[in-house]
C-alpha atoms as a PDB file:
ATOM      1  CA  MET A   1       8.753 -22.095 -11.100  1.00  0.00           C
ATOM      2  CA  ILE A   2       5.198 -20.982 -11.804  1.00  0.00           C
ATOM      3  CA  ARG A   3       4.316 -20.870 -15.470  1.00  0.00           C
ATOM      4  CA  GLY A   4       1.361 -19.050 -16.955  1.00  0.00           C
ATOM      5  CA  TYR A   5      -1.551 -21.239 -17.854  1.00  0.00           C
ATOM      6  CA  LEU A   6      -5.029 -20.446 -18.929  1.00  0.00           C
ATOM      7  CA  CYS A   7      -7.460 -22.492 -16.791  1.00  0.00           C
ATOM      8  CA  ILE A   8     -11.107 -22.173 -17.439  1.00  0.00           C
ATOM      9  CA  GLU A   9     -13.583 -23.446 -14.936  1.00  0.00           C
ATOM     10  CA  PHE A  10     -17.344 -23.129 -15.023  1.00  0.00           C
ATOM     11  CA  MET A  11     -18.445 -21.050 -12.004  1.00  0.00           C
ATOM     12  CA  PRO A  12     -22.080 -21.991 -11.347  1.00  0.00           C
ATOM     13  CA  ARG A  13     -22.677 -19.015  -9.009  1.00  0.00           C
ATOM     14  CA  GLY A  14     -20.925 -16.474 -11.369  1.00  0.00           C
ATOM     15  CA  SER A  15     -17.954 -14.253 -10.838  1.00  0.00           C
ATOM     16  CA  LEU A  16     -17.468 -11.703  -8.112  1.00  0.00           C
ATOM     17  CA  GLU A  17     -17.733  -8.954 -10.675  1.00  0.00           C
ATOM     18  CA  ASN A  18     -21.195 -10.348 -11.697  1.00  0.00           C
ATOM     19  CA  HIS A  19     -22.345 -10.477  -8.049  1.00  0.00           C
ATOM     20  CA  LEU A  20     -20.994  -6.996  -7.118  1.00  0.00           C
ATOM     21  CA  PHE A  21     -21.972  -4.984 -10.104  1.00  0.00           C
ATOM     22  CA  ARG A  22     -24.588  -6.821 -12.240  1.00  0.00           C
ATOM     23  CA  ARG A  23     -27.135  -8.209  -9.812  1.00  0.00           C
ATOM     24  CA  SER A  24     -29.903  -6.247  -8.215  1.00  0.00           C
ATOM     25  CA  LEU A  25     -29.454  -7.887  -4.779  1.00  0.00           C
ATOM     26  CA  PRO A  26     -26.263  -6.834  -2.990  1.00  0.00           C
ATOM     27  CA  LEU A  27     -23.709  -9.481  -2.062  1.00  0.00           C
ATOM     28  CA  PRO A  28     -23.991  -9.876   1.693  1.00  0.00           C
ATOM     29  CA  TRP A  29     -21.172  -8.690   4.039  1.00  0.00           C
ATOM     30  CA  SER A  30     -20.307 -12.232   5.222  1.00  0.00           C
ATOM     31  CA  ILE A  31     -19.979 -13.534   1.678  1.00  0.00           C
ATOM     32  CA  ARG A  32     -17.822 -10.626   0.634  1.00  0.00           C
ATOM     33  CA  MET A  33     -15.476 -11.243   3.531  1.00  0.00           C
ATOM     34  CA  LYS A  34     -15.465 -14.972   2.807  1.00  0.00           C
ATOM     35  CA  ILE A  35     -14.403 -14.246  -0.746  1.00  0.00           C
ATOM     36  CA  ALA A  36     -11.731 -11.729   0.454  1.00  0.00           C
ATOM     37  CA  LEU A  37     -10.240 -14.357   2.707  1.00  0.00           C
ATOM     38  CA  GLY A  38     -10.265 -16.937  -0.054  1.00  0.00           C
ATOM     39  CA  ALA A  39      -8.480 -14.591  -2.424  1.00  0.00           C
ATOM     40  CA  ALA A  40      -5.864 -13.678   0.271  1.00  0.00           C
ATOM     41  CA  LYS A  41      -5.264 -17.462   0.907  1.00  0.00           C
ATOM     42  CA  GLY A  42      -4.884 -17.891  -2.846  1.00  0.00           C
ATOM     43  CA  LEU A  43      -2.315 -15.207  -3.028  1.00  0.00           C
ATOM     44  CA  THR A  44      -0.445 -16.600  -0.053  1.00  0.00           C
ATOM     45  CA  PHE A  45      -0.417 -19.982  -1.774  1.00  0.00           C
ATOM     46  CA  LEU A  46       0.989 -18.466  -4.967  1.00  0.00           C
ATOM     47  CA  HIS A  47       3.548 -16.364  -3.219  1.00  0.00           C
ATOM     48  CA  GLU A  48       4.728 -18.796  -0.544  1.00  0.00           C
ATOM     49  CA  GLU A  49       3.581 -22.318  -1.157  1.00  0.00           C
ATOM     50  CA  ALA A  50       3.329 -22.829  -4.899  1.00  0.00           C
ATOM     51  CA  GLU A  51       6.199 -25.283  -4.917  1.00  0.00           C
ATOM     52  CA  LYS A  52       4.283 -27.650  -2.621  1.00  0.00           C
ATOM     53  CA  PRO A  53       2.095 -30.244  -4.178  1.00  0.00           C
ATOM     54  CA  ASP A  54      -1.323 -28.758  -3.026  1.00  0.00           C
ATOM     55  CA  TYR A  55      -3.362 -27.340  -5.739  1.00  0.00           C
ATOM     56  CA  ASN A  56      -6.587 -26.213  -4.125  1.00  0.00           C
ATOM     57  CA  ALA A  57      -6.109 -22.423  -4.423  1.00  0.00           C
ATOM     58  CA  LYS A  58      -8.008 -20.701  -7.184  1.00  0.00           C
ATOM     59  CA  LEU A  59      -7.654 -17.165  -8.397  1.00  0.00           C
ATOM     60  CA  SER A  60      -9.089 -15.603 -11.486  1.00  0.00           C
ATOM     61  CA  ASP A  61      -7.202 -12.619 -12.833  1.00  0.00           C
ATOM     62  CA  PHE A  62      -6.649  -9.232 -11.231  1.00  0.00           C
ATOM     63  CA  GLY A  63      -6.330  -7.916 -14.734  1.00  0.00           C
ATOM     64  CA  LEU A  64      -2.622  -8.739 -14.932  1.00  0.00           C
ATOM     65  CA  ALA A  65      -0.793 -11.482 -16.795  1.00  0.00           C
ATOM     66  CA  LYS A  66       2.728 -12.611 -16.291  1.00  0.00           C
ATOM     67  CA  ASP A  67       5.210 -15.451 -16.470  1.00  0.00           C
ATOM     68  CA  GLY A  68       6.183 -16.237 -12.961  1.00  0.00           C
ATOM     69  CA  PRO A  69       9.663 -15.425 -11.597  1.00  0.00           C
ATOM     70  CA  GLU A  70      12.253 -18.064 -10.775  1.00  0.00           C
ATOM     71  CA  GLY A  71      13.700 -18.079  -7.317  1.00  0.00           C
ATOM     72  CA  GLN A  72      14.458 -14.634  -5.991  1.00  0.00           C
ATOM     73  CA  LYS A  73      14.332 -13.029  -9.463  1.00  0.00           C
ATOM     74  CA  THR A  74      11.455 -10.970 -10.730  1.00  0.00           C
ATOM     75  CA  HIS A  75      10.327 -10.623 -14.319  1.00  0.00           C
ATOM     76  CA  VAL A  76      10.423  -7.296 -16.145  1.00  0.00           C
ATOM     77  CA  PHE A  77       8.210  -6.779 -19.112  1.00  0.00           C
ATOM     78  CA  THR A  78       8.933  -4.566 -22.060  1.00  0.00           C
ATOM     79  CA  ARG A  79       5.473  -3.196 -21.793  1.00  0.00           C
ATOM     80  CA  VAL A  80       2.948  -2.954 -19.063  1.00  0.00           C
ATOM     81  CA  MET A  81       0.152  -5.496 -19.326  1.00  0.00           C
ATOM     82  CA  GLY A  82      -3.194  -5.731 -17.566  1.00  0.00           C
ATOM     83  CA  THR A  83      -5.995  -3.534 -16.410  1.00  0.00           C
ATOM     84  CA  TYR A  84      -4.608  -0.118 -15.378  1.00  0.00           C
ATOM     85  CA  CYS A  85      -6.845   0.352 -12.281  1.00  0.00           C
ATOM     86  CA  TYR A  86      -5.671  -2.713 -10.731  1.00  0.00           C
ATOM     87  CA  ALA A  87      -1.964  -2.269 -11.426  1.00  0.00           C
ATOM     88  CA  ALA A  88       0.386  -1.067  -8.684  1.00  0.00           C
ATOM     89  CA  PRO A  89       1.845   2.335  -9.380  1.00  0.00           C
ATOM     90  CA  GLU A  90       5.419   1.038  -9.415  1.00  0.00           C
ATOM     91  CA  TYR A  91       4.454  -1.569 -11.925  1.00  0.00           C
ATOM     92  CA  VAL A  92       2.882   1.033 -14.179  1.00  0.00           C
ATOM     93  CA  MET A  93       5.951   3.256 -13.940  1.00  0.00           C
ATOM     94  CA  THR A  94       8.649   0.557 -14.321  1.00  0.00           C
ATOM     95  CA  GLY A  95       7.063  -2.562 -15.752  1.00  0.00           C
ATOM     96  CA  HIS A  96       8.697  -4.485 -12.781  1.00  0.00           C
ATOM     97  CA  LEU A  97       6.114  -6.930 -11.462  1.00  0.00           C
ATOM     98  CA  THR A  98       6.599  -8.429  -7.918  1.00  0.00           C
ATOM     99  CA  SER A  99       4.474 -10.110  -5.295  1.00  0.00           C
ATOM    100  CA  LYS A 100       3.869  -6.588  -3.889  1.00  0.00           C
ATOM    101  CA  SER A 101       2.102  -5.771  -7.146  1.00  0.00           C
ATOM    102  CA  ASP A 102      -0.314  -8.651  -6.459  1.00  0.00           C
ATOM    103  CA  VAL A 103      -0.985  -7.217  -2.949  1.00  0.00           C
ATOM    104  CA  TYR A 104      -1.864  -3.832  -4.423  1.00  0.00           C
ATOM    105  CA  SER A 105      -4.226  -5.478  -6.877  1.00  0.00           C
ATOM    106  CA  PHE A 106      -5.928  -7.387  -4.001  1.00  0.00           C
ATOM    107  CA  GLY A 107      -6.327  -4.142  -2.245  1.00  0.00           C
ATOM    108  CA  VAL A 108      -8.214  -2.755  -5.288  1.00  0.00           C
ATOM    109  CA  VAL A 109     -10.527  -5.821  -5.277  1.00  0.00           C
ATOM    110  CA  LEU A 110     -11.081  -5.553  -1.582  1.00  0.00           C
ATOM    111  CA  LEU A 111     -11.944  -1.903  -1.991  1.00  0.00           C
ATOM    112  CA  GLU A 112     -14.479  -2.955  -4.707  1.00  0.00           C
ATOM    113  CA  MET A 113     -16.064  -5.412  -2.305  1.00  0.00           C
ATOM    114  CA  LEU A 114     -16.277  -2.762   0.467  1.00  0.00           C
ATOM    115  CA  THR A 115     -17.631   0.025  -1.606  1.00  0.00           C
ATOM    116  CA  GLY A 116     -19.672  -1.797  -4.269  1.00  0.00           C
ATOM    117  CA  ARG A 117     -18.020   0.406  -6.820  1.00  0.00           C
ATOM    118  CA  ARG A 118     -15.944  -0.637  -9.835  1.00  0.00           C
ATOM    119  CA  SER A 119     -12.208   0.192  -9.913  1.00  0.00           C
ATOM    120  CA  MET A 120     -12.931   2.564 -12.828  1.00  0.00           C
ATOM    121  CA  ASP A 121     -16.379   3.911 -13.440  1.00  0.00           C
ATOM    122  CA  LYS A 122     -16.991   6.673 -15.746  1.00  0.00           C
ATOM    123  CA  ASN A 123     -20.621   6.788 -14.608  1.00  0.00           C
ATOM    124  CA  GLN A 124     -19.478   8.262 -11.256  1.00  0.00           C
ATOM    125  CA  PRO A 125     -19.228  12.027 -10.862  1.00  0.00           C
ATOM    126  CA  ASN A 126     -16.060  13.843 -11.957  1.00  0.00           C
ATOM    127  CA  GLY A 127     -13.152  13.170  -9.447  1.00  0.00           C
ATOM    128  CA  GLU A 128     -14.725   9.767  -8.506  1.00  0.00           C
ATOM    129  CA  HIS A 129     -13.995   7.772 -11.699  1.00  0.00           C
ATOM    130  CA  ASN A 130     -10.964   6.099 -10.248  1.00  0.00           C
ATOM    131  CA  LEU A 131     -12.004   4.110  -7.101  1.00  0.00           C
ATOM    132  CA  VAL A 132      -8.578   4.164  -5.386  1.00  0.00           C
ATOM    133  CA  GLU A 133      -8.053   7.909  -5.779  1.00  0.00           C
ATOM    134  CA  TRP A 134     -11.655   8.612  -4.717  1.00  0.00           C
ATOM    135  CA  ALA A 135     -11.320   6.375  -1.619  1.00  0.00           C
ATOM    136  CA  ARG A 136      -7.924   7.623  -0.371  1.00  0.00           C
ATOM    137  CA  PRO A 137      -9.273  10.530   1.664  1.00  0.00           C
ATOM    138  CA  HIS A 138     -11.814   8.231   3.382  1.00  0.00           C
ATOM    139  CA  LEU A 139      -9.286   5.574   4.211  1.00  0.00           C
ATOM    140  CA  VAL A 140      -7.908   7.602   7.096  1.00  0.00           C
ATOM    141  CA  GLY A 141      -9.937   8.193  10.229  1.00  0.00           C
ATOM    142  CA  ARG A 142     -12.195   5.631  11.850  1.00  0.00           C
ATOM    143  CA  ARG A 143     -15.394   7.565  11.410  1.00  0.00           C
ATOM    144  CA  ARG A 144     -14.909   8.402   7.659  1.00  0.00           C
ATOM    145  CA  PHE A 145     -15.154   4.742   6.685  1.00  0.00           C
ATOM    146  CA  TYR A 146     -18.989   4.924   6.514  1.00  0.00           C
ATOM    147  CA  ARG A 147     -18.549   7.036   3.322  1.00  0.00           C
ATOM    148  CA  LEU A 148     -16.767   4.053   1.765  1.00  0.00           C
ATOM    149  CA  MET A 149     -19.146   1.277   2.609  1.00  0.00           C
ATOM    150  CA  ASP A 150     -21.555  -0.005  -0.103  1.00  0.00           C
ATOM    151  CA  PRO A 151     -24.852   1.787   0.592  1.00  0.00           C
ATOM    152  CA  ARG A 152     -26.747  -1.374  -0.758  1.00  0.00           C
ATOM    153  CA  LEU A 153     -25.563  -3.133   2.417  1.00  0.00           C
ATOM    154  CA  GLU A 154     -27.926  -0.792   4.333  1.00  0.00           C
ATOM    155  CA  GLY A 155     -25.706  -0.953   7.390  1.00  0.00           C
ATOM    156  CA  CYS A 156     -25.788  -4.772   7.578  1.00  0.00           C
ATOM    157  CA  PHE A 157     -22.098  -5.298   8.280  1.00  0.00           C
ATOM    158  CA  SER A 158     -19.705  -5.658  11.184  1.00  0.00           C
ATOM    159  CA  ILE A 159     -18.456  -2.185  12.027  1.00  0.00           C
ATOM    160  CA  ARG A 160     -15.270  -3.684  13.559  1.00  0.00           C
ATOM    161  CA  GLY A 161     -14.866  -5.974  10.618  1.00  0.00           C
ATOM    162  CA  ALA A 162     -15.335  -3.116   8.070  1.00  0.00           C
ATOM    163  CA  GLN A 163     -12.751  -1.018   9.964  1.00  0.00           C
ATOM    164  CA  LYS A 164     -10.320  -3.881   9.842  1.00  0.00           C
ATOM    165  CA  ALA A 165     -11.009  -4.582   6.198  1.00  0.00           C
ATOM    166  CA  ILE A 166     -10.499  -0.883   5.329  1.00  0.00           C
ATOM    167  CA  GLN A 167      -7.326  -0.839   7.326  1.00  0.00           C
ATOM    168  CA  LEU A 168      -6.097  -3.929   5.354  1.00  0.00           C
ATOM    169  CA  ALA A 169      -7.100  -2.265   1.899  1.00  0.00           C
ATOM    170  CA  THR A 170      -5.119   0.934   3.090  1.00  0.00           C
ATOM    171  CA  HIS A 171      -2.031  -1.146   3.732  1.00  0.00           C
ATOM    172  CA  CYS A 172      -2.392  -2.963   0.406  1.00  0.00           C
ATOM    173  CA  LEU A 173      -2.886   0.306  -1.504  1.00  0.00           C
ATOM    174  CA  SER A 174       0.065   2.095  -0.048  1.00  0.00           C
ATOM    175  CA  ARG A 175       2.032   4.233  -2.488  1.00  0.00           C
ATOM    176  CA  ASP A 176       5.197   2.863  -1.008  1.00  0.00           C
ATOM    177  CA  PRO A 177       5.449  -0.844  -2.003  1.00  0.00           C
ATOM    178  CA  LYS A 178       7.930  -1.575   0.712  1.00  0.00           C
ATOM    179  CA  THR A 179       5.165  -1.013   3.318  1.00  0.00           C
END
């Protein structure tokens, strides 16, 4: 069983949030994808391999906190906890947190890395405050993806890689958690 622990580790290069939103120089595409892969591996570890004695995976929060489920059971909270914009719709509606909720949250973080935008940004124009809702129309169609990409990258990214990353984000952000 996974138990909730607070682990603090000094990150000499700073957090992803710091690099995406607080620095003047944009985080390069290759580094963004390296971070996305590392986070995906961390989630895989937590969801599938946490019982094994290998403790190299590291994830800092997606804005959610929970006591891990035992076996096939999931944990139901009496109140929804965490950062709203990272929370899966089914979790917000029911308080029922599953591994699929983590996948949705990963999709939001991946979208932040692709767009260079925060999950919730009141400084964006009306209708664009919520990143996921703003991005949904651009997630379909191979040519529309350019509207999603962080303009600070100035086109310095793999087109095929960006299309695959957007396809992955689309799957993670599905309104139907079963998909």
